[in-house]
C-alpha atoms as a PDB file:
ATOM      1  CA  MET A   1      15.043  -4.064   2.331  1.00  0.00           C
ATOM      2  CA  ASP A   2      18.094  -4.569   4.184  1.00  0.00           C
ATOM      3  CA  LEU A   3      19.837  -1.603   5.666  1.00  0.00           C
ATOM      4  CA  ASP A   4      23.656  -1.129   5.248  1.00  0.00           C
ATOM      5  CA  ARG A   5      24.653   0.443   8.612  1.00  0.00           C
ATOM      6  CA  GLY A   6      27.793   1.736   6.705  1.00  0.00           C
ATOM      7  CA  LYS A   7      25.999   4.019   4.439  1.00  0.00           C
ATOM      8  CA  PRO A   8      23.820   6.917   5.794  1.00  0.00           C
ATOM      9  CA  VAL A   9      20.109   5.245   5.871  1.00  0.00           C
ATOM     10  CA  TRP A  10      18.373   8.065   4.419  1.00  0.00           C
ATOM     11  CA  THR A  11      20.340   7.759   0.887  1.00  0.00           C
ATOM     12  CA  GLN A  12      19.494   3.999   0.995  1.00  0.00           C
ATOM     13  CA  ILE A  13      15.868   4.664   1.645  1.00  0.00           C
ATOM     14  CA  ALA A  14      16.121   7.279  -1.239  1.00  0.00           C
ATOM     15  CA  GLU A  15      17.643   5.012  -3.732  1.00  0.00           C
ATOM     16  CA  GLU A  16      14.758   2.193  -2.617  1.00  0.00           C
ATOM     17  CA  LEU A  17      11.799   5.083  -3.117  1.00  0.00           C
ATOM     18  CA  ARG A  18      13.477   6.043  -6.238  1.00  0.00           C
ATOM     19  CA  ARG A  19      13.548   2.264  -7.781  1.00  0.00           C
ATOM     20  CA  ARG A  20      10.027   1.942  -6.400  1.00  0.00           C
ATOM     21  CA  ILE A  21       8.868   5.041  -8.429  1.00  0.00           C
ATOM     22  CA  ASP A  22      11.072   4.085 -11.451  1.00  0.00           C
ATOM     23  CA  ALA A  23       9.491   0.833 -11.364  1.00  0.00           C
ATOM     24  CA  GLY A  24       5.969   1.923 -11.510  1.00  0.00           C
ATOM     25  CA  ALA A  25       5.277   1.048  -8.170  1.00  0.00           C
ATOM     26  CA  TYR A  26       4.394   4.813  -7.335  1.00  0.00           C
ATOM     27  CA  VAL A  27       2.766   6.110 -10.837  1.00  0.00           C
ATOM     28  CA  PRO A  28       2.468   9.975 -11.512  1.00  0.00           C
ATOM     29  CA  GLY A  29      -0.088  11.776 -10.111  1.00  0.00           C
ATOM     30  CA  ALA A  30      -0.770   9.314  -7.167  1.00  0.00           C
ATOM     31  CA  ARG A  31      -0.098  10.431  -3.649  1.00  0.00           C
ATOM     32  CA  PHE A  32       3.116   8.830  -2.407  1.00  0.00           C
ATOM     33  CA  PRO A  33       2.767   7.119   1.375  1.00  0.00           C
ATOM     34  CA  ALA A  34       3.135   8.893   4.029  1.00  0.00           C
ATOM     35  CA  VAL A  35       6.323   9.682   5.894  1.00  0.00           C
ATOM     36  CA  VAL A  36       5.395   7.491   9.001  1.00  0.00           C
ATOM     37  CA  ASP A  37       3.880   4.717   7.058  1.00  0.00           C
ATOM     38  CA  LEU A  38       7.473   4.378   5.433  1.00  0.00           C
ATOM     39  CA  ALA A  39       9.162   4.909   8.742  1.00  0.00           C
ATOM     40  CA  ALA A  40       7.469   2.058   9.872  1.00  0.00           C
ATOM     41  CA  GLU A  41       8.071  -0.262   6.603  1.00  0.00           C
ATOM     42  CA  PHE A  42      11.516   0.762   6.935  1.00  0.00           C
ATOM     43  CA  ASP A  43      11.666   0.763  10.843  1.00  0.00           C
ATOM     44  CA  VAL A  44      13.522   4.122  11.096  1.00  0.00           C
ATOM     45  CA  ALA A  45      12.647   7.220  12.603  1.00  0.00           C
ATOM     46  CA  ALA A  46      10.159   9.433  10.504  1.00  0.00           C
ATOM     47  CA  SER A  47      12.884  12.100  10.593  1.00  0.00           C
ATOM     48  CA  THR A  48      15.005   9.725   8.896  1.00  0.00           C
ATOM     49  CA  VAL A  49      12.397   8.912   6.088  1.00  0.00           C
ATOM     50  CA  GLN A  50      11.524  13.000   5.528  1.00  0.00           C
ATOM     51  CA  LYS A  51      15.362  13.642   4.888  1.00  0.00           C
ATOM     52  CA  ALA A  52      14.856  10.912   1.935  1.00  0.00           C
ATOM     53  CA  VAL A  53      11.500  12.202   0.644  1.00  0.00           C
ATOM     54  CA  ALA A  54      13.191  15.655   0.610  1.00  0.00           C
ATOM     55  CA  ALA A  55      16.055  14.612  -1.371  1.00  0.00           C
ATOM     56  CA  LEU A  56      13.162  13.128  -3.747  1.00  0.00           C
ATOM     57  CA  ARG A  57      11.445  16.424  -3.791  1.00  0.00           C
ATOM     58  CA  ALA A  58      14.732  18.417  -4.501  1.00  0.00           C
ATOM     59  CA  GLU A  59      15.364  15.862  -7.737  1.00  0.00           C
ATOM     60  CA  GLY A  60      11.887  16.804  -8.760  1.00  0.00           C
ATOM     61  CA  ARG A  61      10.129  13.487  -8.265  1.00  0.00           C
ATOM     62  CA  LEU A  62       8.042  14.668  -5.566  1.00  0.00           C
ATOM     63  CA  ARG A  63       5.777  17.511  -5.103  1.00  0.00           C
ATOM     64  CA  THR A  64       4.423  18.294  -1.378  1.00  0.00           C
ATOM     65  CA  VAL A  65       1.327  20.099  -1.476  1.00  0.00           C
ATOM     66  CA  LEU A  66       0.770  21.687   2.161  1.00  0.00           C
ATOM     67  CA  GLY A  67      -2.234  19.555   3.824  1.00  0.00           C
ATOM     68  CA  GLN A  68      -2.810  17.134   1.164  1.00  0.00           C
ATOM     69  CA  GLY A  69       0.446  15.090   1.009  1.00  0.00           C
ATOM     70  CA  SER A  70       3.113  14.098  -1.072  1.00  0.00           C
ATOM     71  CA  PHE A  71       2.784  13.200  -5.036  1.00  0.00           C
ATOM     72  CA  VAL A  72       4.791  11.920  -7.864  1.00  0.00           C
ATOM     73  CA  VAL A  73       5.593  13.739 -10.229  1.00  0.00           C
ATOM     74  CA  GLU A  74       6.240  12.647 -13.750  1.00  0.00           C
ATOM     75  CA  HIS A  75      10.324  11.950 -14.608  1.00  0.00           C
ATOM     76  CA  PRO A  76      11.638  12.146 -17.763  1.00  0.00           C
ATOM     77  CA  SER A  77      12.489   8.614 -18.851  1.00  0.00           C
ATOM     78  CA  GLY A  78      16.268   7.271 -18.763  1.00  0.00           C
ATOM     79  CA  GLY A  79      16.381   9.404 -15.777  1.00  0.00           C
ATOM     80  CA  ASP A  80      18.355   9.457 -12.664  1.00  0.00           C
ATOM     81  CA  ASP A  81      20.933  11.938 -13.561  1.00  0.00           C
ATOM     82  CA  GLY A  82      19.556  15.391 -13.459  1.00  0.00           C
ATOM     83  CA  PRO A  83      16.581  16.849 -11.318  1.00  0.00           C
ATOM     84  CA  GLY A  84      13.631  16.076 -13.682  1.00  0.00           C
ATOM     85  CA  GLN A  85      10.799  18.136 -13.717  1.00  0.00           C
ATOM     86  CA  LYS A  86       9.347  20.487 -11.194  1.00  0.00           C
END
């Protein structure tokens, strides 16, 4: 993924991760990749990815379990509008 440095990087990463979830690359119930792994993939700081993951969690697309990681939440179809399920 080529990042547009004119837009906040974390929003671009959140958009890409959202696309991947919608495309089924990360299935509901599955563990989401670790922040450090995604930071290495996107070649950004872990804090940048953490901000993107926090946005997806706020939308109800991910849930985080302390000590276990983040997991994909089933999202209603059709859906980039609305917070989804928590």
